[in-house]
């Protein structure tokens, strides 16, 4: 027979696993989602040692994941009175957390693609057909960059605004 606390922890672990699976589609590892979920559901800041204990992983893995999540601004380091062992909390503004990932990772990737397209287009061996296709790819990439910039510069996004942005990028 399980206690309420054991049942709660079991359900939280299942949710952490589900979030971990989801973030893999965004290019993160499952552990990133699991750490984030534990911080998001914690009522108090958690230390790296607490996360190691809860997740059953190594301290070095937790340290690496915390550094990456801090870099993407989806978690924050907070003072809990110990210089050697700071606390961590999840950013509660999920829109800004997602926008932070888009700014840090996806926007630079799209810019890199656009630069590579420009470089590829300068090749003298391009047939007319391939040149037309590459121009189309360049246009699609430019639209994607423009749509992302509009999204990231918006103060608040509603479903109707998002639909409008998607129509503009076609």
N, C-alpha and C. Protein backbone atom coordinates (compact mmCIF):
# COMPACT_ATOMS: atom_id res chain seq x y z
N UNK A 1 0.84 -1.18 0.00
CA UNK A 1 0.00 0.00 0.00
C UNK A 1 0.89 1.25 0.00
N UNK A 2 0.60 2.17 -0.90
CA UNK A 2 1.41 3.37 -1.00
C UNK A 2 0.76 4.53 -0.23
N UNK A 3 1.63 5.39 0.29
CA UNK A 3 1.12 6.57 0.98
C UNK A 3 0.80 7.64 -0.05
N UNK A 4 0.11 8.70 0.40
CA UNK A 4 -0.22 9.82 -0.49
C UNK A 4 1.04 10.43 -1.06
N UNK A 5 2.08 10.58 -0.23
CA UNK A 5 3.33 11.18 -0.69
C UNK A 5 4.00 10.30 -1.75
N UNK A 6 3.99 8.99 -1.54
CA UNK A 6 4.57 8.07 -2.53
C UNK A 6 3.81 8.13 -3.84
N UNK A 7 2.49 8.20 -3.74
CA UNK A 7 1.65 8.30 -4.94
C UNK A 7 1.93 9.61 -5.68
N UNK A 8 2.05 10.70 -4.93
CA UNK A 8 2.38 12.00 -5.51
C UNK A 8 3.71 11.94 -6.25
N UNK A 9 4.73 11.38 -5.61
CA UNK A 9 6.06 11.29 -6.22
C UNK A 9 6.05 10.39 -7.46
N UNK A 10 5.27 9.31 -7.41
CA UNK A 10 5.15 8.42 -8.56
C UNK A 10 4.50 9.15 -9.73
N UNK A 11 3.44 9.89 -9.45
CA UNK A 11 2.77 10.64 -10.51
C UNK A 11 3.65 11.77 -11.04
N UNK A 12 4.41 12.41 -10.16
CA UNK A 12 5.32 13.46 -10.62
C UNK A 12 6.40 12.87 -11.51
N UNK A 13 6.90 11.70 -11.16
CA UNK A 13 7.92 11.03 -11.98
C UNK A 13 7.36 10.68 -13.36
N UNK A 14 6.12 10.22 -13.41
CA UNK A 14 5.49 9.92 -14.70
C UNK A 14 5.35 11.19 -15.55
N UNK A 15 4.95 12.27 -14.89
CA UNK A 15 4.83 13.55 -15.60
C UNK A 15 6.19 14.03 -16.07
N UNK A 16 7.21 13.89 -15.23
CA UNK A 16 8.58 14.28 -15.61
C UNK A 16 9.04 13.48 -16.83
N UNK A 17 8.73 12.19 -16.85
CA UNK A 17 9.09 11.36 -18.00
C UNK A 17 8.36 11.82 -19.27
N UNK A 18 7.07 12.17 -19.12
CA UNK A 18 6.29 12.64 -20.27
C UNK A 18 6.85 13.96 -20.80
N UNK A 19 7.17 14.88 -19.90
CA UNK A 19 7.77 16.16 -20.32
C UNK A 19 9.13 15.90 -20.97
N UNK A 20 9.89 15.00 -20.40
CA UNK A 20 11.19 14.63 -20.96
C UNK A 20 11.07 14.11 -22.38
N UNK A 21 10.07 13.29 -22.63
CA UNK A 21 9.85 12.78 -23.99
C UNK A 21 9.46 13.91 -24.93
N UNK A 22 8.62 14.82 -24.46
CA UNK A 22 8.16 15.93 -25.30
C UNK A 22 9.33 16.84 -25.71
N UNK A 23 10.19 17.20 -24.77
CA UNK A 23 11.26 18.15 -25.10
C UNK A 23 12.30 17.53 -26.03
N UNK A 24 12.32 16.20 -26.14
CA UNK A 24 13.23 15.56 -27.10
C UNK A 24 12.88 15.99 -28.52
N UNK A 25 11.61 16.27 -28.79
CA UNK A 25 11.20 16.73 -30.11
C UNK A 25 11.71 18.13 -30.41
N UNK A 26 12.07 18.88 -29.37
CA UNK A 26 12.63 20.22 -29.54
C UNK A 26 14.15 20.19 -29.60
N UNK A 27 14.72 19.00 -29.57
CA UNK A 27 16.17 18.89 -29.67
C UNK A 27 16.88 18.84 -28.34
N UNK A 28 16.14 18.80 -27.26
CA UNK A 28 16.74 18.66 -25.93
C UNK A 28 16.80 17.18 -25.59
N UNK A 29 17.47 16.87 -24.50
CA UNK A 29 17.47 15.50 -23.99
C UNK A 29 16.35 15.38 -22.97
N UNK A 30 15.92 14.17 -22.75
CA UNK A 30 14.85 13.89 -21.79
C UNK A 30 15.17 14.47 -20.41
N UNK A 31 16.43 14.39 -20.00
CA UNK A 31 16.82 14.88 -18.67
C UNK A 31 16.54 16.38 -18.51
N UNK A 32 16.63 17.14 -19.59
CA UNK A 32 16.33 18.57 -19.51
C UNK A 32 14.88 18.79 -19.09
N UNK A 33 13.98 18.04 -19.70
CA UNK A 33 12.57 18.16 -19.35
C UNK A 33 12.28 17.67 -17.95
N UNK A 34 12.95 16.60 -17.55
CA UNK A 34 12.73 16.06 -16.21
C UNK A 34 13.20 17.04 -15.14
N UNK A 35 14.40 17.60 -15.32
CA UNK A 35 14.91 18.59 -14.35
C UNK A 35 13.98 19.79 -14.31
N UNK A 36 13.60 20.29 -15.49
CA UNK A 36 12.71 21.46 -15.54
C UNK A 36 11.40 21.18 -14.80
N UNK A 37 10.81 20.01 -15.03
CA UNK A 37 9.54 19.69 -14.38
C UNK A 37 9.67 19.63 -12.87
N UNK A 38 10.76 19.04 -12.38
CA UNK A 38 10.95 19.00 -10.93
C UNK A 38 11.06 20.40 -10.35
N UNK A 39 11.76 21.28 -11.05
CA UNK A 39 11.87 22.66 -10.57
C UNK A 39 10.52 23.37 -10.67
N UNK A 40 9.78 23.10 -11.74
CA UNK A 40 8.48 23.75 -11.96
C UNK A 40 7.46 23.33 -10.90
N UNK A 41 7.54 22.09 -10.46
CA UNK A 41 6.55 21.59 -9.49
C UNK A 41 7.02 21.71 -8.04
N UNK A 42 8.24 22.16 -7.84
CA UNK A 42 8.74 22.31 -6.46
C UNK A 42 8.17 23.57 -5.83
N UNK A 43 7.78 23.47 -4.58
CA UNK A 43 7.24 24.62 -3.88
C UNK A 43 8.33 25.54 -3.37
N UNK A 44 9.53 25.02 -3.25
CA UNK A 44 10.70 25.78 -2.81
C UNK A 44 11.82 25.57 -3.83
N UNK A 45 12.79 26.49 -3.89
CA UNK A 45 13.93 26.25 -4.77
C UNK A 45 14.60 24.93 -4.43
N UNK A 46 15.14 24.27 -5.46
CA UNK A 46 15.83 23.01 -5.26
C UNK A 46 17.32 23.18 -5.56
N UNK A 47 18.15 22.45 -4.84
CA UNK A 47 19.58 22.46 -5.10
C UNK A 47 19.92 21.34 -6.08
N UNK A 48 21.12 21.39 -6.62
CA UNK A 48 21.58 20.33 -7.51
C UNK A 48 21.58 18.99 -6.78
N UNK A 49 21.99 18.99 -5.53
CA UNK A 49 22.02 17.74 -4.74
C UNK A 49 20.63 17.15 -4.58
N UNK A 50 19.64 17.99 -4.36
CA UNK A 50 18.27 17.50 -4.24
C UNK A 50 17.80 16.89 -5.56
N UNK A 51 18.16 17.54 -6.67
CA UNK A 51 17.78 17.01 -7.98
C UNK A 51 18.45 15.67 -8.25
N UNK A 52 19.71 15.55 -7.88
CA UNK A 52 20.44 14.28 -8.05
C UNK A 52 19.69 13.17 -7.31
N UNK A 53 19.30 13.46 -6.08
CA UNK A 53 18.60 12.47 -5.25
C UNK A 53 17.24 12.09 -5.86
N UNK A 54 16.49 13.10 -6.28
CA UNK A 54 15.15 12.85 -6.84
C UNK A 54 15.20 12.11 -8.17
N UNK A 55 16.16 12.48 -9.01
CA UNK A 55 16.22 11.93 -10.36
C UNK A 55 17.08 10.67 -10.48
N UNK A 56 17.93 10.43 -9.48
CA UNK A 56 18.78 9.25 -9.52
C UNK A 56 19.83 9.29 -10.61
N UNK A 57 20.37 10.49 -10.86
CA UNK A 57 21.40 10.67 -11.88
C UNK A 57 22.64 11.28 -11.22
N UNK A 58 23.72 11.40 -11.98
CA UNK A 58 24.97 11.91 -11.42
C UNK A 58 24.92 13.43 -11.23
N UNK A 59 25.75 13.88 -10.29
CA UNK A 59 25.87 15.31 -10.02
C UNK A 59 26.39 16.05 -11.25
N UNK A 60 27.33 15.44 -11.97
CA UNK A 60 27.88 16.11 -13.16
C UNK A 60 26.81 16.29 -14.24
N UNK A 61 25.93 15.30 -14.41
CA UNK A 61 24.84 15.43 -15.38
C UNK A 61 23.89 16.55 -14.97
N UNK A 62 23.51 16.58 -13.71
CA UNK A 62 22.61 17.63 -13.23
C UNK A 62 23.26 19.00 -13.39
N UNK A 63 24.53 19.11 -13.07
CA UNK A 63 25.24 20.39 -13.21
C UNK A 63 25.25 20.86 -14.66
N UNK A 64 25.51 19.95 -15.59
CA UNK A 64 25.53 20.29 -17.01
C UNK A 64 24.13 20.74 -17.47
N UNK A 65 23.11 20.00 -17.08
CA UNK A 65 21.74 20.32 -17.48
C UNK A 65 21.31 21.67 -16.88
N UNK A 66 21.63 21.91 -15.63
CA UNK A 66 21.28 23.19 -15.01
C UNK A 66 21.94 24.35 -15.75
N UNK A 67 23.21 24.18 -16.12
CA UNK A 67 23.92 25.23 -16.85
C UNK A 67 23.23 25.51 -18.20
N UNK A 68 22.82 24.45 -18.89
CA UNK A 68 22.15 24.62 -20.18
C UNK A 68 20.78 25.26 -20.02
N UNK A 69 20.02 24.84 -19.02
CA UNK A 69 18.69 25.42 -18.80
C UNK A 69 18.81 26.90 -18.38
N UNK A 70 19.86 27.23 -17.62
CA UNK A 70 20.11 28.63 -17.27
C UNK A 70 20.43 29.44 -18.53
N UNK A 71 21.22 28.86 -19.41
CA UNK A 71 21.60 29.54 -20.65
C UNK A 71 20.37 29.84 -21.52
N UNK A 72 19.43 28.92 -21.54
CA UNK A 72 18.20 29.12 -22.32
C UNK A 72 17.16 29.94 -21.56
N UNK A 73 17.48 30.33 -20.33
CA UNK A 73 16.62 31.17 -19.50
C UNK A 73 15.25 30.54 -19.19
N UNK A 74 15.24 29.22 -19.03
CA UNK A 74 14.01 28.55 -18.63
C UNK A 74 14.00 28.24 -17.14
N UNK A 75 15.17 28.42 -16.49
CA UNK A 75 15.28 28.33 -15.03
C UNK A 75 16.13 29.50 -14.56
N UNK A 76 16.07 29.74 -13.26
CA UNK A 76 16.88 30.81 -12.65
C UNK A 76 17.58 30.27 -11.42
N UNK A 77 18.76 30.81 -11.15
CA UNK A 77 19.49 30.50 -9.93
C UNK A 77 19.03 31.50 -8.88
N UNK A 78 18.76 31.02 -7.67
CA UNK A 78 18.30 31.89 -6.59
C UNK A 78 19.14 31.66 -5.33
N UNK A 79 19.25 32.69 -4.55
CA UNK A 79 20.01 32.62 -3.30
C UNK A 79 19.15 31.95 -2.23
N UNK A 80 19.69 30.87 -1.67
CA UNK A 80 18.98 30.21 -0.56
C UNK A 80 19.85 30.20 0.69
N UNK A 81 20.84 31.08 0.70
CA UNK A 81 21.69 31.22 1.87
C UNK A 81 22.98 30.43 1.84
N UNK A 82 23.23 29.71 0.77
CA UNK A 82 24.45 28.91 0.67
C UNK A 82 25.16 29.23 -0.64
N UNK A 83 26.37 29.75 -0.54
CA UNK A 83 27.13 30.09 -1.74
C UNK A 83 27.51 28.83 -2.51
N UNK A 84 27.86 27.77 -1.78
CA UNK A 84 28.29 26.52 -2.42
C UNK A 84 27.15 25.75 -3.07
N UNK A 85 25.94 25.96 -2.59
CA UNK A 85 24.81 25.19 -3.10
C UNK A 85 23.61 26.10 -3.34
N UNK A 86 23.60 26.79 -4.49
CA UNK A 86 22.48 27.68 -4.78
C UNK A 86 21.21 26.90 -5.07
N UNK A 87 20.10 27.59 -5.02
CA UNK A 87 18.83 26.99 -5.37
C UNK A 87 18.49 27.33 -6.81
N UNK A 88 17.58 26.56 -7.38
CA UNK A 88 17.13 26.78 -8.75
C UNK A 88 15.61 26.73 -8.77
N UNK A 89 15.03 27.58 -9.59
CA UNK A 89 13.58 27.61 -9.78
C UNK A 89 13.29 27.66 -11.27
N UNK A 90 12.13 27.19 -11.64
CA UNK A 90 11.69 27.26 -13.03
C UNK A 90 11.13 28.65 -13.30
N UNK A 91 11.35 29.14 -14.50
CA UNK A 91 10.72 30.39 -14.92
C UNK A 91 9.25 30.07 -15.14
N UNK A 92 8.38 30.84 -14.51
CA UNK A 92 6.95 30.55 -14.60
C UNK A 92 6.31 31.14 -15.85
N UNK A 93 6.93 32.14 -16.45
CA UNK A 93 6.41 32.75 -17.67
C UNK A 93 6.85 31.87 -18.84
N UNK A 94 6.02 30.88 -19.18
CA UNK A 94 6.40 29.90 -20.19
C UNK A 94 6.54 30.53 -21.58
N UNK A 95 5.75 31.56 -21.86
CA UNK A 95 5.87 32.23 -23.16
C UNK A 95 7.28 32.80 -23.32
N UNK A 96 7.76 33.47 -22.29
CA UNK A 96 9.11 34.03 -22.38
C UNK A 96 10.18 32.95 -22.41
N UNK A 97 9.93 31.85 -21.70
CA UNK A 97 10.89 30.74 -21.73
C UNK A 97 10.98 30.16 -23.14
N UNK A 98 9.85 29.95 -23.77
CA UNK A 98 9.84 29.43 -25.14
C UNK A 98 10.48 30.44 -26.09
N UNK A 99 10.15 31.71 -25.93
CA UNK A 99 10.74 32.75 -26.79
C UNK A 99 12.26 32.79 -26.61
N UNK A 100 12.72 32.55 -25.38
CA UNK A 100 14.16 32.53 -25.13
C UNK A 100 14.85 31.43 -25.92
N UNK A 101 14.22 30.26 -25.96
CA UNK A 101 14.78 29.14 -26.74
C UNK A 101 14.76 29.49 -28.22
N UNK A 102 13.67 30.07 -28.70
CA UNK A 102 13.59 30.45 -30.11
C UNK A 102 14.67 31.47 -30.47
N UNK A 103 14.88 32.45 -29.58
CA UNK A 103 15.92 33.47 -29.84
C UNK A 103 17.31 32.87 -29.83
N UNK A 104 17.55 32.00 -28.88
CA UNK A 104 18.90 31.45 -28.67
C UNK A 104 19.26 30.39 -29.69
N UNK A 105 18.30 29.60 -30.11
CA UNK A 105 18.64 28.45 -30.93
C UNK A 105 18.05 28.50 -32.34
N UNK A 106 16.72 28.63 -32.45
CA UNK A 106 16.10 28.53 -33.77
C UNK A 106 16.41 29.72 -34.69
N UNK A 107 16.37 30.93 -34.16
CA UNK A 107 16.64 32.08 -35.01
C UNK A 107 18.06 32.04 -35.59
N UNK A 108 19.09 31.75 -34.79
CA UNK A 108 20.43 31.63 -35.38
C UNK A 108 20.55 30.50 -36.42
N UNK A 109 19.82 29.40 -36.19
CA UNK A 109 19.85 28.30 -37.15
C UNK A 109 19.27 28.73 -38.49
N UNK A 110 18.15 29.46 -38.45
CA UNK A 110 17.56 29.95 -39.69
C UNK A 110 18.48 30.93 -40.40
N UNK A 111 19.14 31.79 -39.64
CA UNK A 111 20.09 32.73 -40.23
C UNK A 111 21.26 32.00 -40.89
N UNK A 112 21.71 30.94 -40.25
CA UNK A 112 22.80 30.13 -40.81
C UNK A 112 22.36 29.48 -42.13
N UNK A 113 21.14 28.98 -42.16
CA UNK A 113 20.61 28.38 -43.39
C UNK A 113 20.59 29.41 -44.51
N UNK A 114 20.11 30.62 -44.19
CA UNK A 114 20.04 31.68 -45.20
C UNK A 114 21.44 32.01 -45.75
N UNK A 115 22.43 32.09 -44.89
CA UNK A 115 23.80 32.35 -45.35
C UNK A 115 24.31 31.22 -46.24
N UNK A 116 24.00 29.97 -45.87
CA UNK A 116 24.44 28.84 -46.68
C UNK A 116 23.74 28.83 -48.04
N UNK A 117 22.48 29.23 -48.06
CA UNK A 117 21.75 29.32 -49.34
C UNK A 117 22.44 30.34 -50.24
N UNK A 118 22.77 31.50 -49.68
CA UNK A 118 23.45 32.54 -50.46
C UNK A 118 24.78 32.03 -50.99
N UNK A 119 25.52 31.32 -50.19
CA UNK A 119 26.80 30.77 -50.61
C UNK A 119 26.60 29.73 -51.72
N UNK A 120 25.60 28.87 -51.55
CA UNK A 120 25.32 27.83 -52.54
C UNK A 120 24.89 28.43 -53.87
N UNK A 121 24.09 29.50 -53.80
CA UNK A 121 23.60 30.16 -55.02
C UNK A 121 24.73 30.74 -55.86
N UNK A 122 25.86 31.02 -55.25
CA UNK A 122 26.98 31.62 -55.99
C UNK A 122 27.78 30.60 -56.79
N UNK A 123 27.41 29.33 -56.69
CA UNK A 123 28.12 28.29 -57.43
C UNK A 123 27.82 28.39 -58.92
N UNK A 124 28.84 28.40 -59.76
CA UNK A 124 28.62 28.55 -61.20
C UNK A 124 27.95 27.34 -61.85
N UNK A 125 27.99 26.18 -61.21
CA UNK A 125 27.43 24.96 -61.80
C UNK A 125 25.91 24.85 -61.65
N UNK A 126 25.25 25.82 -61.07
CA UNK A 126 23.80 25.76 -60.84
C UNK A 126 23.03 25.79 -62.15
N UNK A 127 22.18 24.80 -62.34
CA UNK A 127 21.30 24.81 -63.52
C UNK A 127 20.18 25.81 -63.26
N UNK A 128 19.45 26.17 -64.28
CA UNK A 128 18.33 27.12 -64.14
C UNK A 128 17.26 26.54 -63.21
N UNK A 129 17.00 25.24 -63.35
CA UNK A 129 15.99 24.59 -62.50
C UNK A 129 16.41 24.64 -61.04
N UNK A 130 17.66 24.30 -60.78
CA UNK A 130 18.15 24.31 -59.41
C UNK A 130 18.21 25.74 -58.87
N UNK A 131 18.57 26.69 -59.69
CA UNK A 131 18.60 28.08 -59.26
C UNK A 131 17.21 28.55 -58.84
N UNK A 132 16.20 28.15 -59.59
CA UNK A 132 14.81 28.50 -59.26
C UNK A 132 14.40 27.87 -57.93
N UNK A 133 14.77 26.61 -57.73
CA UNK A 133 14.43 25.93 -56.47
C UNK A 133 15.14 26.57 -55.28
N UNK A 134 16.40 26.93 -55.47
CA UNK A 134 17.17 27.55 -54.39
C UNK A 134 16.59 28.93 -54.05
N UNK A 135 16.15 29.67 -55.06
CA UNK A 135 15.49 30.97 -54.80
C UNK A 135 14.22 30.75 -53.99
N UNK A 136 13.49 29.69 -54.30
CA UNK A 136 12.28 29.36 -53.55
C UNK A 136 12.62 29.00 -52.10
N UNK A 137 13.66 28.22 -51.91
CA UNK A 137 14.11 27.87 -50.57
C UNK A 137 14.55 29.12 -49.80
N UNK A 138 15.22 30.02 -50.47
CA UNK A 138 15.65 31.27 -49.85
C UNK A 138 14.44 32.10 -49.42
N UNK A 139 13.43 32.15 -50.27
CA UNK A 139 12.20 32.90 -49.95
C UNK A 139 11.49 32.27 -48.74
N UNK A 140 11.39 30.94 -48.72
CA UNK A 140 10.75 30.26 -47.58
C UNK A 140 11.51 30.53 -46.29
N UNK A 141 12.82 30.47 -46.36
CA UNK A 141 13.65 30.71 -45.17
C UNK A 141 13.51 32.15 -44.69
N UNK A 142 13.50 33.09 -45.63
CA UNK A 142 13.33 34.50 -45.27
C UNK A 142 11.97 34.74 -44.62
N UNK A 143 10.92 34.09 -45.15
CA UNK A 143 9.60 34.19 -44.53
C UNK A 143 9.61 33.62 -43.12
N UNK A 144 10.27 32.50 -42.94
CA UNK A 144 10.35 31.88 -41.61
C UNK A 144 11.06 32.81 -40.62
N UNK A 145 12.15 33.43 -41.07
CA UNK A 145 12.88 34.38 -40.20
C UNK A 145 11.99 35.57 -39.87
N UNK A 146 11.29 36.09 -40.88
CA UNK A 146 10.41 37.24 -40.66
C UNK A 146 9.28 36.89 -39.69
N UNK A 147 8.67 35.73 -39.88
CA UNK A 147 7.58 35.31 -38.99
C UNK A 147 8.09 35.12 -37.56
N UNK A 148 9.27 34.54 -37.42
CA UNK A 148 9.83 34.34 -36.08
C UNK A 148 10.14 35.69 -35.43
N UNK A 149 10.71 36.61 -36.19
CA UNK A 149 11.01 37.93 -35.64
C UNK A 149 9.73 38.65 -35.22
N UNK A 150 8.69 38.54 -36.02
CA UNK A 150 7.40 39.16 -35.64
C UNK A 150 6.86 38.54 -34.36
N UNK A 151 6.94 37.24 -34.29
CA UNK A 151 6.48 36.53 -33.10
C UNK A 151 7.28 36.95 -31.87
N UNK A 152 8.59 36.99 -32.00
CA UNK A 152 9.45 37.32 -30.86
C UNK A 152 9.34 38.78 -30.44
N UNK A 153 8.98 39.65 -31.37
CA UNK A 153 8.86 41.07 -31.04
C UNK A 153 7.47 41.45 -30.56
N UNK A 154 6.51 40.53 -30.64
CA UNK A 154 5.15 40.80 -30.20
C UNK A 154 5.10 40.86 -28.68
N UNK A 155 4.29 41.75 -28.17
CA UNK A 155 4.14 41.87 -26.71
C UNK A 155 3.31 40.72 -26.16
N UNK A 156 2.25 40.42 -26.83
CA UNK A 156 1.40 39.31 -26.40
C UNK A 156 0.87 38.63 -27.65
N UNK A 157 0.89 37.34 -27.64
CA UNK A 157 0.44 36.59 -28.80
C UNK A 157 -0.90 35.94 -28.48
N UNK A 158 -1.86 36.19 -29.35
CA UNK A 158 -3.14 35.51 -29.23
C UNK A 158 -3.23 34.54 -30.39
N UNK A 159 -4.17 33.65 -30.34
CA UNK A 159 -4.34 32.69 -31.42
C UNK A 159 -4.59 33.41 -32.73
N UNK A 160 -5.40 34.47 -32.71
CA UNK A 160 -5.69 35.19 -33.96
C UNK A 160 -4.43 35.86 -34.51
N UNK A 161 -3.58 36.41 -33.62
CA UNK A 161 -2.33 37.02 -34.09
C UNK A 161 -1.40 35.97 -34.68
N UNK A 162 -1.33 34.80 -34.05
CA UNK A 162 -0.48 33.74 -34.55
C UNK A 162 -0.95 33.27 -35.93
N UNK A 163 -2.26 33.13 -36.10
CA UNK A 163 -2.80 32.73 -37.40
C UNK A 163 -2.46 33.79 -38.46
N UNK A 164 -2.55 35.06 -38.10
CA UNK A 164 -2.21 36.14 -39.02
C UNK A 164 -0.74 36.06 -39.41
N UNK A 165 0.13 35.83 -38.45
CA UNK A 165 1.56 35.70 -38.75
C UNK A 165 1.82 34.53 -39.70
N UNK A 166 1.14 33.44 -39.46
CA UNK A 166 1.34 32.28 -40.33
C UNK A 166 0.86 32.56 -41.75
N UNK A 167 -0.26 33.31 -41.88
CA UNK A 167 -0.74 33.68 -43.22
C UNK A 167 0.24 34.61 -43.91
N UNK A 168 0.84 35.54 -43.18
CA UNK A 168 1.79 36.48 -43.76
C UNK A 168 3.03 35.79 -44.30
N UNK A 169 3.37 34.65 -43.71
CA UNK A 169 4.59 33.96 -44.12
C UNK A 169 4.38 33.06 -45.33
N UNK A 170 3.19 33.03 -45.87
CA UNK A 170 2.94 32.17 -47.04
C UNK A 170 3.14 32.91 -48.32
